[in-house]
Structure formats: structure tokens, C-alpha cells
N, C-alpha and C. Protein backbone atom coordinates (compact mmCIF):
# COMPACT_ATOMS: atom_id res chain seq x y z
N MET A 1 4.66 -11.65 -24.03
CA MET A 1 5.53 -10.80 -23.10
C MET A 1 6.50 -11.36 -22.78
N ARG A 2 7.74 -10.60 -23.16
CA ARG A 2 9.13 -11.19 -22.76
C ARG A 2 9.19 -10.41 -21.11
N ASP A 3 9.72 -11.57 -20.88
CA ASP A 3 9.85 -11.40 -19.09
C ASP A 3 11.39 -11.17 -19.39
N VAL A 4 11.90 -10.03 -19.24
CA VAL A 4 13.87 -9.61 -19.18
C VAL A 4 14.35 -10.12 -17.64
N TRP A 5 13.62 -9.34 -16.78
CA TRP A 5 13.73 -9.60 -15.28
C TRP A 5 13.71 -11.25 -14.79
N GLY A 6 12.72 -11.89 -15.22
CA GLY A 6 12.43 -13.00 -14.40
C GLY A 6 13.48 -14.12 -14.28
N PRO A 7 13.95 -14.66 -15.96
CA PRO A 7 15.45 -15.24 -15.91
C PRO A 7 16.62 -14.49 -14.94
N MET A 8 16.68 -13.34 -15.05
CA MET A 8 17.88 -13.24 -14.34
C MET A 8 17.80 -13.11 -12.88
N LEU A 9 16.71 -13.15 -12.29
CA LEU A 9 16.53 -12.70 -10.77
C LEU A 9 16.27 -14.64 -10.36
N THR A 10 16.59 -15.54 -11.10
CA THR A 10 16.01 -16.55 -10.55
C THR A 10 17.56 -17.55 -11.07
N ALA A 11 18.11 -16.62 -11.94
CA ALA A 11 19.60 -17.55 -12.45
C ALA A 11 20.48 -17.66 -11.10
N GLU A 12 20.87 -19.14 -11.34
CA GLU A 12 22.01 -19.07 -10.33
C GLU A 12 23.17 -18.27 -9.83
N THR A 13 23.81 -17.92 -11.23
CA THR A 13 25.17 -17.22 -11.17
C THR A 13 25.73 -17.12 -12.59
N PHE A 14 25.92 -15.90 -12.07
CA PHE A 14 26.33 -15.00 -13.58
C PHE A 14 27.79 -14.76 -13.39
N SER A 15 28.95 -15.41 -14.65
CA SER A 15 30.55 -15.34 -14.48
C SER A 15 30.51 -13.68 -15.47
N ALA A 16 31.57 -12.82 -14.68
CA ALA A 16 31.95 -11.61 -14.80
C ALA A 16 33.62 -11.43 -14.27
N LYS A 17 34.09 -10.77 -15.44
CA LYS A 17 35.44 -10.34 -14.94
C LYS A 17 35.29 -9.16 -14.23
N TYR A 18 36.14 -9.20 -13.06
CA TYR A 18 36.39 -8.62 -11.97
C TYR A 18 37.68 -8.64 -11.37
N LYS A 19 38.38 -7.50 -11.47
CA LYS A 19 39.48 -7.09 -10.99
C LYS A 19 40.45 -8.51 -11.62
N SER A 20 40.56 -8.22 -12.67
CA SER A 20 41.83 -9.28 -14.00
C SER A 20 41.54 -10.91 -13.80
N GLU A 21 40.00 -11.29 -13.14
CA GLU A 21 39.56 -12.58 -12.80
C GLU A 21 38.44 -13.15 -13.21
N ASN A 22 38.27 -13.90 -14.07
CA ASN A 22 36.36 -14.37 -13.72
C ASN A 22 35.87 -15.00 -12.60
N LYS A 23 34.55 -14.33 -11.98
CA LYS A 23 34.26 -14.77 -10.89
C LYS A 23 32.90 -15.04 -11.35
N ASP A 24 32.01 -15.95 -10.24
CA ASP A 24 30.39 -16.20 -10.23
C ASP A 24 30.02 -15.16 -9.21
N PHE A 25 29.14 -14.62 -9.61
CA PHE A 25 27.91 -13.76 -9.08
C PHE A 25 26.54 -13.72 -9.06
N THR A 26 25.90 -14.23 -7.74
CA THR A 26 24.26 -13.82 -8.42
C THR A 26 23.73 -12.34 -8.35
N LEU A 27 22.71 -12.64 -9.13
CA LEU A 27 22.14 -11.31 -9.32
C LEU A 27 22.16 -10.01 -8.02
N LYS A 28 21.27 -11.47 -6.70
CA LYS A 28 21.07 -10.46 -5.36
C LYS A 28 22.54 -10.19 -5.44
N GLU A 29 23.63 -10.75 -5.61
CA GLU A 29 24.91 -10.01 -5.01
C GLU A 29 25.22 -8.70 -5.86
N ILE A 30 24.76 -9.04 -7.11
CA ILE A 30 25.62 -7.43 -8.15
C ILE A 30 24.35 -6.61 -7.49
N ILE A 31 23.25 -6.75 -7.26
CA ILE A 31 22.24 -5.82 -7.18
C ILE A 31 22.57 -5.41 -5.55
N SER A 32 22.78 -6.17 -4.80
CA SER A 32 23.21 -5.51 -3.25
C SER A 32 24.59 -4.52 -3.74
N THR A 33 25.80 -4.96 -4.47
CA THR A 33 26.59 -4.25 -4.60
C THR A 33 26.59 -2.69 -5.20
N VAL A 34 25.60 -2.62 -5.77
CA VAL A 34 24.89 -1.40 -6.03
C VAL A 34 23.97 -0.38 -5.28
N PHE A 35 23.05 -1.05 -4.45
CA PHE A 35 22.84 -0.68 -2.93
C PHE A 35 23.64 0.00 -2.09
N VAL A 36 24.81 -0.79 -1.80
CA VAL A 36 25.93 -0.84 -0.89
C VAL A 36 26.54 0.70 -1.76
N LYS A 37 26.46 1.04 -2.63
CA LYS A 37 27.23 2.00 -3.25
C LYS A 37 26.34 3.18 -3.11
N LEU A 38 24.99 3.21 -3.60
CA LEU A 38 24.04 4.28 -3.28
C LEU A 38 23.84 4.67 -1.89
N LYS A 39 23.97 3.62 -1.25
CA LYS A 39 23.61 3.95 0.65
C LYS A 39 25.39 4.42 0.86
N GLU A 40 26.44 4.57 0.15
CA GLU A 40 27.22 4.95 0.79
C GLU A 40 27.28 6.06 0.61
N THR A 41 27.25 6.21 -0.86
CA THR A 41 26.59 7.76 -1.44
C THR A 41 25.96 8.69 -0.49
N ALA A 42 24.97 8.12 -0.16
CA ALA A 42 23.71 8.65 0.23
C ALA A 42 24.29 9.00 1.71
N GLU A 43 25.13 8.24 2.45
CA GLU A 43 25.70 8.74 3.75
C GLU A 43 26.66 9.82 3.78
N ASP A 44 27.27 9.58 2.78
CA ASP A 44 28.29 10.84 2.58
C ASP A 44 27.85 12.27 2.45
N PHE A 45 26.89 12.17 1.64
CA PHE A 45 26.24 13.48 1.04
C PHE A 45 25.53 13.88 2.44
N LEU A 46 24.73 13.61 3.27
CA LEU A 46 23.84 13.34 4.46
C LEU A 46 24.34 13.18 5.53
N SER A 47 25.49 12.95 5.54
CA SER A 47 26.43 13.02 6.88
C SER A 47 25.62 12.28 8.23
N THR A 48 24.80 10.83 7.70
CA THR A 48 24.14 10.30 8.79
C THR A 48 24.15 8.70 8.08
N ARG A 49 23.99 7.84 8.96
CA ARG A 49 23.92 6.54 8.38
C ARG A 49 22.31 6.30 8.09
N ILE A 50 22.33 5.48 6.64
CA ILE A 50 21.22 5.28 6.33
C ILE A 50 21.05 3.69 6.86
N ASN A 51 20.03 3.35 7.02
CA ASN A 51 19.43 2.00 7.39
C ASN A 51 18.11 1.55 6.57
N ASN A 52 17.31 2.34 6.37
CA ASN A 52 16.23 1.94 5.50
C ASN A 52 15.94 2.75 4.17
N ALA A 53 15.34 1.57 3.37
CA ALA A 53 15.01 1.93 2.10
C ALA A 53 13.68 1.48 1.50
N VAL A 54 13.33 2.49 0.51
CA VAL A 54 12.04 2.55 -0.49
C VAL A 54 12.65 2.49 -1.60
N VAL A 55 12.27 0.83 -2.49
CA VAL A 55 13.13 0.50 -3.67
C VAL A 55 11.35 0.81 -4.39
N THR A 56 11.84 1.31 -5.96
CA THR A 56 10.43 0.99 -6.87
C THR A 56 10.96 -0.15 -7.44
N ILE A 57 10.49 -0.64 -8.39
CA ILE A 57 10.36 -1.53 -9.06
C ILE A 57 9.82 -1.58 -10.31
N PRO A 58 9.91 -2.09 -11.76
CA PRO A 58 8.79 -2.34 -12.46
C PRO A 58 7.50 -3.00 -12.29
N ALA A 59 6.25 -2.97 -12.92
CA ALA A 59 5.09 -3.61 -12.82
C ALA A 59 5.26 -4.53 -12.86
N CYS A 60 6.23 -5.28 -13.89
CA CYS A 60 5.59 -6.76 -13.99
C CYS A 60 6.86 -7.20 -13.16
N PHE A 61 6.85 -6.93 -11.93
CA PHE A 61 7.59 -8.09 -11.39
C PHE A 61 6.81 -8.81 -10.08
N ASN A 62 7.20 -9.76 -10.18
CA ASN A 62 6.11 -10.93 -9.39
C ASN A 62 6.71 -10.94 -7.80
N ASN A 63 6.30 -12.24 -7.12
CA ASN A 63 6.23 -11.86 -5.91
C ASN A 63 7.99 -12.40 -5.47
N VAL A 64 8.66 -13.64 -6.29
CA VAL A 64 9.90 -13.86 -6.15
C VAL A 64 10.78 -12.92 -6.28
N GLN A 65 10.56 -12.15 -7.68
CA GLN A 65 11.45 -10.91 -7.94
C GLN A 65 11.68 -10.00 -6.73
N CYS A 66 10.51 -9.65 -6.23
CA CYS A 66 10.43 -9.12 -4.99
C CYS A 66 10.93 -9.12 -3.94
N GLN A 67 10.92 -10.17 -3.92
CA GLN A 67 11.92 -10.74 -2.58
C GLN A 67 13.14 -10.95 -2.59
N ALA A 68 13.59 -11.36 -4.52
CA ALA A 68 15.06 -10.95 -4.33
C ALA A 68 15.64 -9.46 -4.27
N ILE A 69 14.57 -8.63 -4.52
CA ILE A 69 15.26 -7.30 -4.39
C ILE A 69 14.91 -6.88 -2.86
N ARG A 70 14.13 -7.95 -1.87
CA ARG A 70 14.54 -7.38 -0.73
C ARG A 70 15.66 -7.80 0.13
N ASP A 71 15.97 -9.10 -0.08
CA ASP A 71 17.73 -9.83 0.24
C ASP A 71 18.66 -9.13 -0.27
N ALA A 72 18.97 -8.37 -1.44
CA ALA A 72 19.51 -7.46 -1.94
C ALA A 72 19.99 -6.66 -0.92
N GLY A 73 18.80 -6.14 -0.76
CA GLY A 73 18.63 -5.09 0.44
C GLY A 73 19.37 -5.37 1.72
N LEU A 74 19.16 -6.55 2.15
CA LEU A 74 19.63 -6.74 3.41
C LEU A 74 20.98 -7.21 3.10
N ILE A 75 21.72 -7.94 2.56
CA ILE A 75 22.79 -7.89 2.06
C ILE A 75 23.23 -6.95 2.07
N ALA A 76 22.86 -5.93 1.42
CA ALA A 76 23.60 -4.18 1.51
C ALA A 76 23.60 -3.65 2.83
N GLY A 77 22.79 -4.01 3.78
CA GLY A 77 22.81 -3.66 5.04
C GLY A 77 21.38 -2.68 5.28
N LEU A 78 20.78 -2.99 4.27
CA LEU A 78 19.01 -2.23 4.74
C LEU A 78 18.22 -2.52 4.87
N ASN A 79 16.97 -2.27 5.47
CA ASN A 79 16.04 -2.91 5.62
C ASN A 79 14.73 -1.99 4.75
N VAL A 80 14.65 -3.08 3.85
CA VAL A 80 13.87 -2.48 2.05
C VAL A 80 12.21 -2.62 2.86
N LEU A 81 12.07 -0.94 3.48
CA LEU A 81 10.36 -0.87 4.20
C LEU A 81 9.36 -1.49 3.37
N TYR A 82 9.82 -0.51 2.17
CA TYR A 82 8.44 -0.45 1.15
C TYR A 82 9.00 -0.89 -0.65
N ILE A 83 8.28 -1.68 -1.19
CA ILE A 83 8.88 -1.82 -2.67
C ILE A 83 7.47 -1.32 -3.44
N ILE A 84 7.60 -0.72 -4.17
CA ILE A 84 6.64 0.56 -4.60
C ILE A 84 6.84 0.31 -6.46
N ILE A 85 5.89 -0.14 -6.54
CA ILE A 85 5.75 -0.29 -8.09
C ILE A 85 6.51 1.22 -8.68
N GLY A 86 6.73 1.73 -9.80
CA GLY A 86 7.63 2.82 -10.17
C GLY A 86 6.60 4.00 -10.79
N SER A 87 5.14 3.72 -11.06
CA SER A 87 4.30 4.31 -11.70
C SER A 87 3.49 5.04 -10.12
N THR A 88 3.42 4.14 -8.93
CA THR A 88 3.11 4.72 -8.22
C THR A 88 3.88 5.95 -7.69
N ALA A 89 5.16 5.47 -7.49
CA ALA A 89 6.12 6.83 -6.94
C ALA A 89 5.53 7.57 -7.45
N ALA A 90 5.40 7.55 -9.03
CA ALA A 90 5.51 8.37 -9.68
C ALA A 90 4.13 9.37 -9.31
N ALA A 91 2.91 8.66 -9.00
CA ALA A 91 1.38 9.56 -8.77
C ALA A 91 1.80 9.93 -7.46
N ILE A 92 2.20 9.44 -6.59
CA ILE A 92 2.89 9.96 -5.15
C ILE A 92 3.51 11.38 -5.53
N SER A 93 4.42 11.34 -6.01
CA SER A 93 5.27 12.73 -6.10
C SER A 93 4.35 13.63 -6.67
N TYR A 94 3.47 12.91 -7.97
CA TYR A 94 2.50 14.57 -8.02
C TYR A 94 1.88 14.33 -7.13
N TRP A 95 1.28 13.61 -6.07
CA TRP A 95 0.13 14.10 -5.19
C TRP A 95 0.63 15.15 -4.15
N LEU A 96 2.43 14.85 -4.07
CA LEU A 96 2.55 15.67 -2.80
C LEU A 96 2.90 17.28 -3.38
N ASN A 97 3.22 16.99 -4.94
CA ASN A 97 3.61 18.17 -5.47
C ASN A 97 2.28 19.18 -5.78
N LYS A 98 1.20 18.63 -6.21
CA LYS A 98 -0.06 19.64 -6.26
C LYS A 98 -1.23 19.68 -4.70
N ARG A 99 -1.03 18.70 -4.15
CA ARG A 99 -1.52 18.70 -2.46
C ARG A 99 -2.93 18.85 -3.04
N LEU A 100 -3.12 17.51 -3.63
CA LEU A 100 -4.75 17.68 -4.06
C LEU A 100 -5.62 16.84 -2.15
N THR A 101 -6.45 17.22 -2.37
CA THR A 101 -7.75 17.51 -1.88
C THR A 101 -8.59 16.96 -2.02
N GLU A 102 -9.02 16.24 -3.50
CA GLU A 102 -10.41 16.02 -3.64
C GLU A 102 -9.74 14.85 -4.60
N VAL A 103 -10.80 13.93 -4.96
CA VAL A 103 -10.32 12.69 -5.64
C VAL A 103 -9.81 12.86 -6.57
N GLN A 104 -8.52 12.20 -7.40
CA GLN A 104 -8.33 12.30 -8.56
C GLN A 104 -7.61 10.85 -9.41
N ASN A 105 -8.24 10.77 -10.51
CA ASN A 105 -7.67 9.80 -11.10
C ASN A 105 -6.46 9.98 -11.99
N ILE A 106 -5.30 9.46 -12.16
CA ILE A 106 -4.42 9.71 -12.62
C ILE A 106 -4.09 8.67 -13.77
N LEU A 107 -3.29 8.92 -14.78
CA LEU A 107 -2.73 8.01 -15.34
C LEU A 107 -1.30 8.23 -15.66
N VAL A 108 -0.47 7.16 -15.49
CA VAL A 108 0.87 7.31 -15.38
C VAL A 108 1.80 6.44 -16.30
N PHE A 109 2.25 6.89 -17.34
CA PHE A 109 3.22 6.17 -18.38
C PHE A 109 4.91 6.11 -17.86
N ASP A 110 5.17 5.05 -17.57
CA ASP A 110 6.65 4.91 -17.04
C ASP A 110 7.13 4.34 -18.38
N PHE A 111 7.88 5.04 -19.27
CA PHE A 111 9.05 4.62 -20.08
C PHE A 111 10.01 4.29 -19.53
N GLY A 112 10.29 2.70 -19.65
CA GLY A 112 11.54 2.50 -18.84
C GLY A 112 12.82 2.25 -20.01
N SER A 113 13.99 1.81 -19.70
CA SER A 113 14.93 1.51 -21.01
C SER A 113 14.13 -0.23 -21.65
N ILE A 114 13.60 -0.66 -20.83
CA ILE A 114 13.08 -1.89 -21.83
C ILE A 114 11.57 -2.24 -21.30
N THR A 115 10.84 -1.66 -20.78
CA THR A 115 9.75 -1.66 -20.85
C THR A 115 8.15 -0.59 -20.54
N LEU A 116 7.36 -0.42 -20.84
CA LEU A 116 6.26 0.54 -20.95
C LEU A 116 5.49 0.02 -19.95
N ASP A 117 5.35 0.53 -18.45
CA ASP A 117 4.58 0.70 -17.78
C ASP A 117 3.29 2.26 -17.65
N VAL A 118 2.20 1.30 -17.58
CA VAL A 118 1.09 2.38 -18.13
C VAL A 118 0.20 2.11 -16.48
N SER A 119 -0.18 2.99 -15.41
CA SER A 119 -1.31 2.79 -14.48
C SER A 119 -2.27 3.69 -14.32
N LEU A 120 -2.92 3.10 -14.09
CA LEU A 120 -4.28 4.39 -13.75
C LEU A 120 -4.80 4.24 -12.33
N LEU A 121 -4.53 5.13 -11.53
CA LEU A 121 -4.61 4.90 -10.18
C LEU A 121 -5.69 6.40 -9.79
N THR A 122 -5.89 5.70 -8.49
CA THR A 122 -7.07 6.92 -8.12
C THR A 122 -6.61 7.39 -6.64
N ILE A 123 -6.68 8.58 -6.18
CA ILE A 123 -6.30 9.15 -4.96
C ILE A 123 -7.16 9.40 -4.73
N GLU A 124 -7.16 9.42 -2.98
CA GLU A 124 -8.21 10.21 -2.51
C GLU A 124 -7.73 10.43 -0.77
N LEU A 125 -7.36 11.02 -0.57
CA LEU A 125 -7.37 11.32 1.27
C LEU A 125 -5.95 10.83 1.25
N GLY A 126 -4.98 10.63 0.35
CA GLY A 126 -3.59 10.18 0.43
C GLY A 126 -3.64 8.94 0.06
N PHE A 127 -4.43 8.05 -0.45
CA PHE A 127 -4.57 7.24 -0.25
C PHE A 127 -4.60 6.48 -1.38
N PHE A 128 -4.14 5.62 -2.32
CA PHE A 128 -3.67 5.24 -3.38
C PHE A 128 -4.29 4.00 -4.25
N LYS A 129 -4.82 3.73 -4.95
CA LYS A 129 -5.76 2.72 -5.65
C LYS A 129 -5.02 2.19 -6.50
N ILE A 130 -4.41 1.50 -6.95
CA ILE A 130 -4.60 0.86 -8.37
C ILE A 130 -5.39 0.45 -9.10
N VAL A 131 -6.05 0.97 -9.91
CA VAL A 131 -7.20 0.61 -10.78
C VAL A 131 -7.12 -0.24 -11.45
N ALA A 132 -5.93 -0.11 -12.60
CA ALA A 132 -5.59 -1.06 -13.54
C ALA A 132 -3.92 -1.00 -13.98
N ILE A 133 -3.53 -1.77 -14.24
CA ILE A 133 -1.99 -1.53 -14.63
C ILE A 133 -1.43 -2.82 -15.71
N THR A 134 -0.53 -2.26 -16.65
CA THR A 134 -0.41 -3.19 -17.95
C THR A 134 0.84 -2.93 -17.85
N SER A 135 1.81 -3.97 -18.34
CA SER A 135 3.24 -3.39 -18.91
C SER A 135 3.03 -4.08 -20.65
N ASP A 136 4.30 -3.64 -21.59
CA ASP A 136 4.91 -3.90 -22.70
C ASP A 136 6.26 -3.96 -22.65
N ALA A 137 6.61 -4.86 -22.92
CA ALA A 137 7.95 -5.43 -22.60
C ALA A 137 8.92 -5.56 -24.06
N HIS A 138 7.75 -4.76 -24.71
CA HIS A 138 8.06 -4.67 -26.06
C HIS A 138 8.45 -3.02 -27.16
N LEU A 139 8.02 -2.18 -25.54
CA LEU A 139 8.18 -0.84 -26.10
C LEU A 139 8.34 0.01 -24.80
N GLY A 140 9.83 -0.08 -24.79
CA GLY A 140 11.15 0.77 -23.79
C GLY A 140 11.40 1.32 -24.66
N ASN A 141 12.59 2.23 -24.37
CA ASN A 141 13.05 2.87 -25.12
C ASN A 141 14.40 2.44 -25.76
N GLU A 142 14.79 1.12 -25.41
CA GLU A 142 15.73 0.87 -26.17
C GLU A 142 14.72 0.24 -27.49
N ASP A 143 13.69 -0.09 -27.70
CA ASP A 143 12.98 -0.30 -28.67
C ASP A 143 12.91 1.22 -29.60
N PHE A 144 12.95 2.16 -29.03
CA PHE A 144 12.65 3.33 -29.57
C PHE A 144 14.19 3.67 -30.33
N ASP A 145 15.29 3.16 -29.47
CA ASP A 145 16.66 3.54 -30.37
C ASP A 145 16.66 2.90 -31.63
N ASN A 146 16.55 1.15 -31.57
CA ASN A 146 16.90 0.21 -32.08
C ASN A 146 15.82 0.28 -33.31
N HIS A 147 14.68 0.76 -33.51
CA HIS A 147 14.38 0.97 -34.77
C HIS A 147 14.19 2.31 -35.36
N LEU A 148 14.72 3.36 -34.45
CA LEU A 148 15.43 4.48 -34.91
C LEU A 148 16.92 4.61 -35.81
N VAL A 149 17.64 3.68 -35.33
CA VAL A 149 18.97 2.65 -35.97
C VAL A 149 18.46 2.32 -36.66
N ASN A 150 17.82 1.64 -36.89
CA ASN A 150 17.41 0.55 -38.27
C ASN A 150 16.91 1.34 -39.62
N HIS A 151 15.63 2.23 -39.39
CA HIS A 151 15.06 3.59 -40.01
C HIS A 151 16.41 3.83 -40.53
N PHE A 152 17.04 4.25 -40.21
CA PHE A 152 18.51 5.29 -40.37
C PHE A 152 19.43 4.62 -41.43
N ALA A 153 19.78 3.27 -40.61
CA ALA A 153 20.64 2.59 -41.89
C ALA A 153 19.92 2.51 -42.92
N GLN A 154 18.44 1.82 -43.27
CA GLN A 154 17.82 1.48 -44.31
C GLN A 154 18.00 2.76 -44.99
N GLU A 155 17.83 4.23 -44.68
CA GLU A 155 18.21 5.17 -45.43
C GLU A 155 19.37 5.50 -46.01
N PHE A 156 20.39 4.94 -45.20
CA PHE A 156 22.08 5.23 -45.70
C PHE A 156 21.90 4.81 -46.49
N LYS A 157 21.41 2.96 -46.45
CA LYS A 157 21.90 1.87 -47.65
C LYS A 157 21.30 2.56 -48.99
N LYS A 158 20.05 3.36 -48.96
CA LYS A 158 19.39 3.94 -50.02
C LYS A 158 20.74 5.08 -50.77
N LYS A 159 21.17 5.47 -49.79
CA LYS A 159 21.55 6.93 -50.87
C LYS A 159 23.30 6.40 -51.19
N ILE A 160 23.83 5.30 -50.85
CA ILE A 160 24.99 4.74 -51.27
C ILE A 160 25.07 3.45 -52.25
């Protein structure tokens, strides 16, 4: 399984062009910049100050990567209250929408741009237990796109 996030979250710096000059940024700085923009947008829309956040992550993130997300939140002026796996967030949404009262087993497929995360959760009285979770870093939307492009490129070559 490829780990696309690990190297990025542990790399020292990335060089990027910013306002016509090359600068080095850490990934935490880049993520915190995104958090700042999201925070500003939410504050403008809600006309209130935002101090706390709940952040979703891919199932494949480890503790070091989660800490990098927390650190980026702090840099952006956010207290990251919870870090939740994306599929768990989807199950919470399902539970809130259905107003479930009995025990339910939920299977969640989270097709991201790079990975597919699949989780089996049990929901009982508002408590969520992850029964099983897996991630495939070779089955995201980009992979589908690439296979389609390759397929139709071959078909096109056959016709010319």
C-alpha cells in the first residue's frame, strides 16, 4: 500500500513559488494556511468568532500525522477538539439523519481522490464502535480517472 500522506507530513520543507519568488514551507504551514482561510470564511458567514474545530482525516493516518493536523490547527488559531476518521463522520451523519434507536451495523465506503477507505461500524445508543477498517491507496478517484484515460487513449490509437 502506498503511503501518500506520510512522506508529506514528515518532510522538512516544500519549495513553492509565492508572489513571484520561491519560498520554503512546511506542510504544517500549508495546512494551517488552508485552515486560516476556512476559519475566516466560516466567521464571515456566521458573523461570529470560531475557536474550535473538528477535523476529518483518512483512515490511513497514524499518530504522527494526526499530531501534524493538530499542530496546523493551533498555528491557524484553532483548538482541534476532535480528529475523526472520515467514514466515522459519515456514520455520525447517517445516525443523526435517521435518528436511530436500535443497534445498527453500518458499512461506509469513502472514495477519496487517492484512497478508498471502508469501515464497518456498530452504532448503539449514540456510541460508535469501529469494528473493522481498511484502506486501499490504489483505489481512489484518480485511479479510476487514470484507467479511463488510458483505456480511451488505447481505443483512440486503434482508430487512427
